[in-house]
Protein backbone atom coordinates (compact mmCIF):
# COMPACT_ATOMS: atom_id res chain seq x y z
CA UNK A 1 0.00 0.00 0.00
CA UNK A 2 1.41 3.40 -0.97
CA UNK A 3 1.22 6.65 0.98
CA UNK A 4 -1.35 7.95 -1.51
CA UNK A 5 -3.38 4.82 -0.95
CA UNK A 6 -3.20 5.32 2.82
CA UNK A 7 -4.45 8.88 2.42
CA UNK A 8 -7.36 7.62 0.32
CA UNK A 9 -8.19 5.11 3.05
CA UNK A 10 -8.18 7.89 5.65
CA UNK A 11 -10.41 10.08 3.48
CA UNK A 12 -12.84 7.21 2.87
CA UNK A 13 -13.03 6.32 6.57
CA UNK A 14 -13.51 9.97 7.47
CA UNK A 15 -16.33 10.40 4.98
CA UNK A 16 -18.18 7.44 6.47
CA UNK A 17 -17.39 7.91 10.16
CA UNK A 18 -17.01 11.67 10.67
CA UNK A 19 -20.62 12.24 11.73
CA UNK A 20 -20.40 9.52 14.37
CA UNK A 21 -17.11 10.90 15.68
CA UNK A 22 -18.54 14.44 15.87
CA UNK A 23 -21.74 13.22 17.51
CA UNK A 24 -19.84 11.18 20.10
CA UNK A 25 -17.59 14.13 20.95
CA UNK A 26 -20.60 16.44 21.14
CA UNK A 27 -22.22 14.22 23.76
CA UNK A 28 -19.12 14.73 25.91
CA UNK A 29 -18.43 18.44 25.39
CA UNK A 30 -22.05 19.55 24.71
CA UNK A 31 -20.93 21.95 21.97
CA UNK A 32 -21.27 20.93 18.31
CA UNK A 33 -18.75 23.50 17.09
CA UNK A 34 -16.15 22.34 19.59
CA UNK A 35 -17.01 18.71 18.82
CA UNK A 36 -16.31 19.29 15.14
CA UNK A 37 -12.92 20.84 16.01
CA UNK A 38 -12.09 17.81 18.17
CA UNK A 39 -13.08 15.44 15.39
CA UNK A 40 -10.92 17.39 12.94
CA UNK A 41 -8.02 17.10 15.41
CA UNK A 42 -8.49 13.33 15.35
CA UNK A 43 -8.39 13.40 11.54
CA UNK A 44 -5.18 15.46 11.58
CA UNK A 45 -3.68 12.97 14.06
CA UNK A 46 -4.57 10.12 11.71
CA UNK A 47 -2.95 11.87 8.76
CA UNK A 48 0.20 12.41 10.84
CA UNK A 49 0.30 8.94 12.41
CA UNK A 50 -1.01 6.37 9.95
CA UNK A 51 1.44 5.00 7.40
CA UNK A 52 1.50 2.06 5.03
CA UNK A 53 2.69 -0.16 7.86
CA UNK A 54 0.85 1.37 10.84
CA UNK A 55 -2.70 1.57 9.47
CA UNK A 56 -4.90 0.40 12.38
CA UNK A 57 -7.01 -2.72 12.01
CA UNK A 58 -10.10 -0.70 12.92
CA UNK A 59 -9.61 2.86 11.62
CA UNK A 60 -13.07 3.98 12.73
CA UNK A 61 -12.39 2.86 16.31
CA UNK A 62 -9.05 4.65 16.25
CA UNK A 63 -10.69 7.93 15.23
CA UNK A 64 -13.44 7.50 17.82
CA UNK A 65 -11.02 6.77 20.66
CA UNK A 66 -8.71 9.62 19.68
CA UNK A 67 -11.60 12.09 19.56
CA UNK A 68 -12.92 10.80 22.88
CA UNK A 69 -9.54 11.29 24.55
CA UNK A 70 -9.18 14.80 23.16
CA UNK A 71 -12.68 15.67 24.32
CA UNK A 72 -11.91 14.44 27.82
CA UNK A 73 -8.62 16.34 27.79
CA UNK A 74 -10.51 19.50 26.85
CA UNK A 75 -12.96 18.97 29.71
CA UNK A 76 -10.08 18.46 32.14
CA UNK A 77 -8.49 21.70 30.98
CA UNK A 78 -11.76 23.56 31.40
CA UNK A 79 -12.16 22.03 34.83
CA UNK A 80 -8.75 23.21 35.93
CA UNK A 81 -9.42 26.70 34.66
CA UNK A 82 -12.70 26.81 36.54
CA UNK A 83 -11.13 25.35 39.71
CA UNK A 84 -13.83 22.73 40.00
CA UNK A 85 -11.64 19.66 40.08
CA UNK A 86 -13.76 17.44 42.27
CA UNK A 87 -17.07 18.19 40.59
CA UNK A 88 -15.76 17.83 37.03
CA UNK A 89 -13.73 14.79 38.00
CA UNK A 90 -16.90 13.01 39.04
CA UNK A 91 -18.55 14.03 35.77
CA UNK A 92 -15.59 12.71 33.78
CA UNK A 93 -15.67 9.41 35.62
CA UNK A 94 -19.38 9.09 34.90
CA UNK A 95 -18.80 9.92 31.24
CA UNK A 96 -15.99 7.41 30.87
CA UNK A 97 -18.17 4.74 32.43
CA UNK A 98 -20.52 5.09 29.44
CA UNK A 99 -17.79 5.09 26.77
CA UNK A 100 -17.08 1.92 24.77
CA UNK A 101 -13.31 2.28 24.12
CA UNK A 102 -13.05 0.10 21.03
CA UNK A 103 -16.29 1.22 19.30
CA UNK A 104 -17.04 -2.45 18.57
CA UNK A 105 -19.09 -3.21 15.43
CA UNK A 106 -19.86 0.46 14.86
CA UNK A 107 -22.29 0.72 17.79
CA UNK A 108 -22.64 4.16 19.40
CA UNK A 109 -21.65 4.49 23.03
CA UNK A 110 -24.77 6.27 24.20
CA UNK A 111 -27.58 4.15 25.64
CA UNK A 112 -29.17 6.48 28.18
CA UNK A 113 -32.33 7.77 26.51
CA UNK A 114 -35.19 6.32 24.53
CA UNK A 115 -33.32 6.43 21.23
CA UNK A 116 -29.75 5.76 22.29
CA UNK A 117 -28.39 7.42 19.18
CA UNK A 118 -25.77 10.16 19.26
CA UNK A 119 -26.33 10.94 15.59
CA UNK A 120 -30.02 11.60 16.13
CA UNK A 121 -29.23 13.89 19.06
CA UNK A 122 -26.78 15.72 16.81
CA UNK A 123 -29.48 16.29 14.17
CA UNK A 124 -32.00 17.67 16.65
CA UNK A 125 -29.38 19.90 18.24
CA UNK A 126 -28.38 21.33 14.88
CA UNK A 127 -32.08 21.81 14.06
CA UNK A 128 -32.81 23.89 17.15
CA UNK A 129 -35.33 26.74 16.60
CA UNK A 130 -32.71 29.30 17.65
CA UNK A 131 -31.33 28.84 14.11
CA UNK A 132 -32.99 29.75 10.83
CA UNK A 133 -34.31 26.86 8.74
CA UNK A 134 -31.56 27.33 6.18
CA UNK A 135 -28.88 27.33 8.86
CA UNK A 136 -30.31 24.21 10.52
CA UNK A 137 -30.26 22.23 7.31
CA UNK A 138 -26.82 23.45 6.21
CA UNK A 139 -25.22 22.76 9.59
CA UNK A 140 -26.72 19.31 9.92
CA UNK A 141 -25.67 18.32 6.42
CA UNK A 142 -22.15 19.46 7.25
CA UNK A 143 -22.01 17.59 10.55
CA UNK A 144 -24.07 14.51 9.69
CA UNK A 145 -23.18 13.84 6.09
CA UNK A 146 -19.64 15.20 6.11
CA UNK A 147 -20.56 17.20 3.00
CA UNK A 148 -18.44 20.12 1.87
CA UNK A 149 -19.91 23.61 1.75
CA UNK A 150 -19.78 23.37 -2.05
CA UNK A 151 -21.89 20.20 -2.08
CA UNK A 152 -24.40 21.73 0.33
CA UNK A 153 -24.59 24.87 -1.80
CA UNK A 154 -25.42 22.79 -4.86
CA UNK A 155 -28.09 20.89 -2.95
CA UNK A 156 -29.63 24.23 -1.95
CA UNK A 157 -29.02 25.94 -5.32
CA UNK A 158 -27.38 28.64 -3.17
CA UNK A 159 -24.01 30.45 -3.50
CA UNK A 160 -21.21 28.67 -1.61
CA UNK A 161 -20.14 31.74 0.46
CA UNK A 162 -23.70 32.07 1.73
CA UNK A 163 -23.72 28.47 2.95
CA UNK A 164 -20.29 28.85 4.57
CA UNK A 165 -21.47 31.90 6.49
CA UNK A 166 -24.60 30.08 7.64
CA UNK A 167 -22.56 27.19 9.04
CA UNK A 168 -20.12 29.41 10.95
CA UNK A 169 -22.88 31.56 12.39
CA UNK A 170 -25.00 28.54 13.29
CA UNK A 171 -22.23 26.99 15.40
CA UNK A 172 -21.61 30.29 17.16
CA UNK A 173 -25.32 30.73 17.84
CA UNK A 174 -25.71 27.24 19.29
CA UNK A 175 -22.72 27.77 21.57
CA UNK A 176 -23.93 31.20 22.72
CA UNK A 177 -27.44 29.88 23.41
CA UNK A 178 -26.06 26.84 25.31
CA UNK A 179 -28.38 24.56 23.33
CA UNK A 180 -28.52 21.15 25.07
CA UNK A 181 -27.30 18.09 23.18
CA UNK A 182 -30.49 16.06 23.37
CA UNK A 183 -33.57 14.84 21.52
CA UNK A 184 -36.48 17.18 22.35
CA UNK A 185 -39.53 15.75 24.03
CA UNK A 186 -43.25 16.49 24.09
CA UNK A 187 -44.25 19.90 22.69
CA UNK A 188 -40.68 20.83 21.74
CA UNK A 189 -40.48 17.98 19.24
CA UNK A 190 -43.00 19.05 16.59
CA UNK A 191 -41.49 22.45 15.62
CA UNK A 192 -38.16 20.82 14.88
CA UNK A 193 -39.37 17.66 13.18
CA UNK A 194 -40.04 19.19 9.75
CA UNK A 195 -36.50 20.52 9.54
CA UNK A 196 -35.07 17.17 10.63
CA UNK A 197 -37.04 15.39 7.90
CA UNK A 198 -35.75 17.83 5.33
CA UNK A 199 -32.18 17.24 6.46
CA UNK A 200 -32.54 13.45 6.37
CA UNK A 201 -33.95 13.59 2.85
CA UNK A 202 -31.21 15.91 1.62
CA UNK A 203 -28.63 13.50 3.01
CA UNK A 204 -30.43 10.67 1.19
CA UNK A 205 -30.44 12.65 -2.04
CA UNK A 206 -26.72 13.34 -1.77
CA UNK A 207 -26.21 9.59 -1.47
CA UNK A 208 -28.68 8.76 -4.25
CA UNK A 209 -27.31 11.29 -6.77
CA UNK A 210 -23.97 12.68 -5.62
CA UNK A 211 -23.51 16.33 -6.56
CA UNK A 212 -19.76 16.03 -7.09
CA UNK A 213 -16.94 13.52 -7.30
CA UNK A 214 -16.36 10.32 -9.24
CA UNK A 215 -19.28 8.28 -7.90
CA UNK A 216 -22.86 8.34 -9.20
CA UNK A 217 -24.07 7.30 -5.74
CA UNK A 218 -22.79 7.24 -2.15
CA UNK A 219 -24.37 4.14 -0.62
CA UNK A 220 -23.18 4.97 2.92
CA UNK A 221 -25.26 8.16 2.90
CA UNK A 222 -28.29 6.30 1.54
CA UNK A 223 -27.97 3.74 4.34
CA UNK A 224 -27.50 6.42 7.00
CA UNK A 225 -30.54 8.38 5.86
CA UNK A 226 -32.65 5.22 5.79
CA UNK A 227 -31.48 4.27 9.28
CA UNK A 228 -32.27 7.70 10.70
CA UNK A 229 -35.64 7.77 8.97
CA UNK A 230 -36.60 4.42 10.43
CA UNK A 231 -35.51 5.55 13.89
CA UNK A 232 -37.63 8.68 13.53
CA UNK A 233 -40.62 6.58 12.48
CA UNK A 234 -40.28 4.62 15.71
CA UNK A 235 -39.94 7.82 17.74
CA UNK A 236 -43.03 9.56 16.33
CA UNK A 237 -45.24 6.77 14.93
CA UNK A 238 -48.31 9.00 14.59
CA UNK A 239 -46.60 11.58 12.32
CA UNK A 240 -47.65 10.78 8.72
CA UNK A 241 -44.86 12.74 7.07
CA UNK A 242 -42.23 10.69 8.88
CA UNK A 243 -43.71 7.52 7.39
CA UNK A 244 -44.06 9.35 4.07
CA UNK A 245 -40.36 10.18 4.05
CA UNK A 246 -39.40 6.63 4.99
CA UNK A 247 -41.65 5.31 2.21
CA UNK A 248 -40.08 7.67 -0.32
CA UNK A 249 -36.52 6.70 0.64
CA UNK A 250 -37.27 2.96 0.70
CA UNK A 251 -38.86 3.10 -2.75
CA UNK A 252 -36.09 5.22 -4.23
CA UNK A 253 -33.40 3.04 -2.65
CA UNK A 254 -35.01 -0.07 -4.16
CA UNK A 255 -33.63 1.01 -7.55
CA UNK A 256 -30.03 1.37 -6.38
CA UNK A 257 -28.60 -1.79 -7.95
CA UNK A 258 -30.28 -1.07 -11.29
CA UNK A 259 -28.99 2.50 -11.51
CA UNK A 260 -25.47 1.41 -12.56
CA UNK A 261 -24.59 -1.01 -15.34
CA UNK A 262 -21.82 -3.63 -15.42
CA UNK A 263 -19.31 -0.96 -16.47
CA UNK A 264 -20.26 1.36 -13.63
CA UNK A 265 -22.14 3.77 -15.88
CA UNK A 266 -25.42 5.39 -14.76
CA UNK A 267 -28.69 3.92 -16.02
CA UNK A 268 -31.73 6.22 -16.06
CA UNK A 269 -35.12 5.23 -14.72
CA UNK A 270 -36.88 4.19 -17.91
CA UNK A 271 -33.87 2.16 -19.09
CA UNK A 272 -33.39 0.19 -15.88
CA UNK A 273 -33.73 -3.58 -15.56
CA UNK A 274 -36.64 -3.68 -13.13
CA UNK A 275 -35.88 -7.26 -12.15
CA UNK A 276 -32.91 -5.77 -10.27
CA UNK A 277 -35.11 -3.51 -8.16
CA UNK A 278 -35.11 -4.69 -4.54
CA UNK A 279 -38.54 -6.25 -3.81
CA UNK A 280 -38.00 -6.09 -0.03
CA UNK A 281 -37.40 -2.35 -0.10
CA UNK A 282 -40.42 -1.91 -2.38
CA UNK A 283 -42.61 -3.83 0.08
CA UNK A 284 -41.22 -1.79 2.98
CA UNK A 285 -41.83 1.43 1.09
CA UNK A 286 -45.41 0.57 0.15
CA UNK A 287 -46.11 -0.49 3.75
CA UNK A 288 -44.72 2.79 5.07
CA UNK A 289 -46.83 4.72 2.57
CA UNK A 290 -49.93 2.82 3.73
CA UNK A 291 -49.10 3.72 7.34
CA UNK A 292 -48.72 7.37 6.39
CA UNK A 293 -52.06 7.37 4.60
CA UNK A 294 -53.77 5.69 7.56
CA UNK A 295 -52.83 8.49 9.97
CA UNK A 296 -52.96 11.51 7.63
CA UNK A 297 -55.90 13.83 7.20
CA UNK A 298 -54.35 15.43 4.10
CA UNK A 299 -51.27 14.31 2.16
CA UNK A 300 -48.03 16.17 2.77
CA UNK A 301 -45.00 16.67 0.56
CA UNK A 302 -43.22 13.43 1.44
CA UNK A 303 -46.39 11.37 1.15
CA UNK A 304 -47.02 12.76 -2.34
CA UNK A 305 -43.42 12.12 -3.41
CA UNK A 306 -43.70 8.58 -2.03
CA UNK A 307 -46.90 8.09 -4.03
CA UNK A 308 -45.00 9.22 -7.14
CA UNK A 309 -42.26 6.70 -6.42
CA UNK A 310 -44.90 4.02 -5.86
CA UNK A 311 -46.29 4.62 -9.36
CA UNK A 312 -42.93 3.58 -10.76
CA UNK A 313 -42.33 0.78 -8.26
CA UNK A 314 -45.62 -0.94 -9.09
CA UNK A 315 -45.21 -0.70 -12.88
CA UNK A 316 -43.73 -4.00 -14.04
CA UNK A 317 -42.60 -2.45 -17.32
CA UNK A 318 -41.91 1.18 -18.30
CA UNK A 319 -44.85 1.10 -20.73
CA UNK A 320 -47.20 0.34 -17.82
CA UNK A 321 -46.30 3.54 -15.95
CA UNK A 322 -49.41 5.65 -15.26
CA UNK A 323 -48.00 9.00 -16.38
CA UNK A 324 -51.33 10.81 -16.14
CA UNK A 325 -51.55 9.80 -12.48
CA UNK A 326 -47.99 11.04 -12.01
CA UNK A 327 -48.90 14.39 -13.53
CA UNK A 328 -51.87 14.64 -11.14
CA UNK A 329 -49.60 13.88 -8.19
CA UNK A 330 -47.15 16.57 -9.31
CA UNK A 331 -50.06 19.00 -9.57
CA UNK A 332 -50.87 18.26 -5.93
CA UNK A 333 -47.20 18.47 -4.91
CA UNK A 334 -46.86 21.85 -6.59
CA UNK A 335 -49.67 23.10 -4.37
CA UNK A 336 -48.18 21.70 -1.15
CA UNK A 337 -44.48 22.38 -1.80
CA UNK A 338 -44.03 24.62 -4.86
CA UNK A 339 -40.53 24.86 -6.32
CA UNK A 340 -38.86 25.16 -9.72
CA UNK A 341 -37.47 21.61 -9.40
CA UNK A 342 -40.99 20.23 -8.83
CA UNK A 343 -42.15 22.10 -11.94
CA UNK A 344 -39.25 20.67 -13.94
CA UNK A 345 -40.12 17.13 -12.84
CA UNK A 346 -43.75 17.81 -13.66
CA UNK A 347 -42.67 18.87 -17.16
CA UNK A 348 -40.98 15.49 -17.62
CA UNK A 349 -44.19 13.72 -16.60
CA UNK A 350 -46.29 15.93 -18.91
CA UNK A 351 -43.92 15.10 -21.75
CA UNK A 352 -44.41 11.38 -21.12
CA UNK A 353 -48.18 11.63 -20.70
CA UNK A 354 -49.10 14.17 -23.39
CA UNK A 355 -46.15 14.30 -25.74
CA UNK A 356 -42.68 15.91 -25.80
CA UNK A 357 -43.90 19.24 -27.17
CA UNK A 358 -46.21 19.71 -24.17
CA UNK A 359 -43.29 18.99 -21.86
CA UNK A 360 -40.94 21.28 -23.80
CA UNK A 361 -43.37 24.20 -23.53
CA UNK A 362 -43.27 23.86 -19.74
CA UNK A 363 -39.47 23.53 -19.64
CA UNK A 364 -39.02 26.63 -21.80
CA UNK A 365 -41.21 28.56 -19.37
CA UNK A 366 -38.73 27.65 -16.61
CA UNK A 367 -35.71 28.90 -18.56
CA UNK A 368 -35.63 32.24 -16.74
CA UNK A 369 -35.86 30.74 -13.24
CA UNK A 370 -32.83 32.06 -11.28
CA UNK A 371 -32.78 28.97 -9.03
CA UNK A 372 -32.29 26.74 -12.08
CA UNK A 373 -29.59 28.86 -13.74
CA UNK A 374 -26.85 26.35 -12.89
CA UNK A 375 -29.02 23.26 -12.54
CA UNK A 376 -27.76 20.68 -15.09
CA UNK A 377 -31.05 18.83 -15.35
CA UNK A 378 -32.81 21.85 -16.87
CA UNK A 379 -30.83 21.63 -20.13
CA UNK A 380 -30.67 17.84 -19.66
CA UNK A 381 -34.46 17.54 -19.70
CA UNK A 382 -34.71 20.04 -22.55
CA UNK A 383 -32.21 18.04 -24.57
CA UNK A 384 -34.18 14.84 -24.04
CA UNK A 385 -37.42 16.45 -25.17
CA UNK A 386 -35.77 18.05 -28.21
CA UNK A 387 -34.30 14.68 -29.19
CA UNK A 388 -37.74 13.09 -29.05
CA UNK A 389 -39.02 15.85 -31.32
CA UNK A 390 -36.26 15.09 -33.84
CA UNK A 391 -34.38 18.36 -33.22
CA UNK A 392 -31.06 16.58 -32.87
CA UNK A 393 -28.61 19.48 -33.24
CA UNK A 394 -30.41 21.51 -30.59
CA UNK A 395 -30.61 18.47 -28.33
CA UNK A 396 -26.87 17.88 -28.65
CA UNK A 397 -26.16 21.48 -27.62
CA UNK A 398 -28.38 21.14 -24.56
CA UNK A 399 -26.74 17.89 -23.42
CA UNK A 400 -23.30 19.48 -23.78
CA UNK A 401 -24.45 22.54 -21.85
CA UNK A 402 -25.76 20.29 -19.07
CA UNK A 403 -22.47 18.35 -18.99
CA UNK A 404 -20.60 21.61 -18.47
CA UNK A 405 -22.69 22.41 -15.40
CA UNK A 406 -22.32 19.18 -13.44
CA UNK A 407 -19.53 18.43 -10.95
CA UNK A 408 -20.22 14.70 -10.91
CA UNK A 409 -17.97 12.66 -13.20
CA UNK A 410 -20.50 9.92 -13.94
CA UNK A 411 -23.25 12.44 -14.56
CA UNK A 412 -21.01 14.32 -16.99
CA UNK A 413 -20.17 11.11 -18.85
CA UNK A 414 -23.87 10.28 -19.10
CA UNK A 415 -24.74 13.69 -20.52
CA UNK A 416 -21.85 13.65 -23.01
CA UNK A 417 -22.93 10.19 -24.15
CA UNK A 418 -26.41 11.55 -24.84
CA UNK A 419 -24.83 14.44 -26.73
CA UNK A 420 -23.00 11.95 -28.94
CA UNK A 421 -26.10 9.90 -29.58
CA UNK A 422 -29.19 12.06 -29.68
CA UNK A 423 -31.07 9.56 -31.83
CA UNK A 424 -32.08 7.56 -28.72
CA UNK A 425 -35.14 9.31 -27.32
CA UNK A 426 -36.27 6.56 -24.95
CA UNK A 427 -34.57 7.69 -21.74
CA UNK A 428 -36.36 10.10 -19.44
CA UNK A 429 -34.78 12.55 -17.03
CA UNK A 430 -36.65 11.65 -13.86
């Protein structure tokens, strides 16, 4: 193993484990900003210590233990400065009694409350009402998903400096307000749940369609979002939107294995081998959607998106897809959660249900939307519709324009392939 290979191992471990390390440190120091600094210190220590011959057998455990020790050292220093040796000493002993030194099998150390999940506590802390909605989501994506500010900015369709400022200010605000590191209970839970659901879904989306890098998907983020969604469903079983989100993620995740071909290239929805869709995840998703519908008075955003996913999941062949029903569901979604991206997806469905010209008319109407100015799927969808109308030269230009916008290598390759072969009008950008 070379030094470059060791660095890649460290980066891969950090991407997967950073949220757990930060969450574990935050439970000790009760400050998410400080916890992130401690976790970064552990990463720096790994970069300085690990070599080709000294790579630990359990890198995640090494990072966790190093961060734990640095957190405890920080608490000891604070204790000395405050001259409260005996009191803090007892607290440290109590904390260490709950720490699992080796982080065996990836289990979190915390077991005290109803959830026993440091990551979930981290999400609710970052989603505290003292922060704006945008700051809550940006901070939690940074801490939970280990996403860069650039990746978060692309998820939000927001300038990167704006996101960076939100994250810095959010950590300062949480520290100044002394926000407790805990899952809220009773009446305090509801106001923060919607933001948590949004965060979990954005993490899922980053795993399902990575905004940057060499990979089309990041399965670890998909798995983490699914896990957190299922935990939330157990925590608030009477909240329909929680079950709606779980249903949506289960149904989307069912397609994972069919979204990449044998050469590692992306495969779009209408071209996928549906025999490779995961039937267990489809059953779980449909069951979660049924639970959501059983406790909902009116459908919410996640329920409607799950219903859209169910239309695809229950169609045995692409030709059996009920596109008119999908258009109707997008009409309802546009009323509940209007956005340019929803309108773009609706245009795709209209194009499938009523012909490519009808879809193109809607896409052209979105051309001046500022939020879609750098969104690659706007020209991507337009190129697909133009190709179906036989306007090949225009379609090729649109696919090339879309390829120039994306930061994801696989996505760029897919768009350039469509630019080279605009005769194929069977794929749909959905």
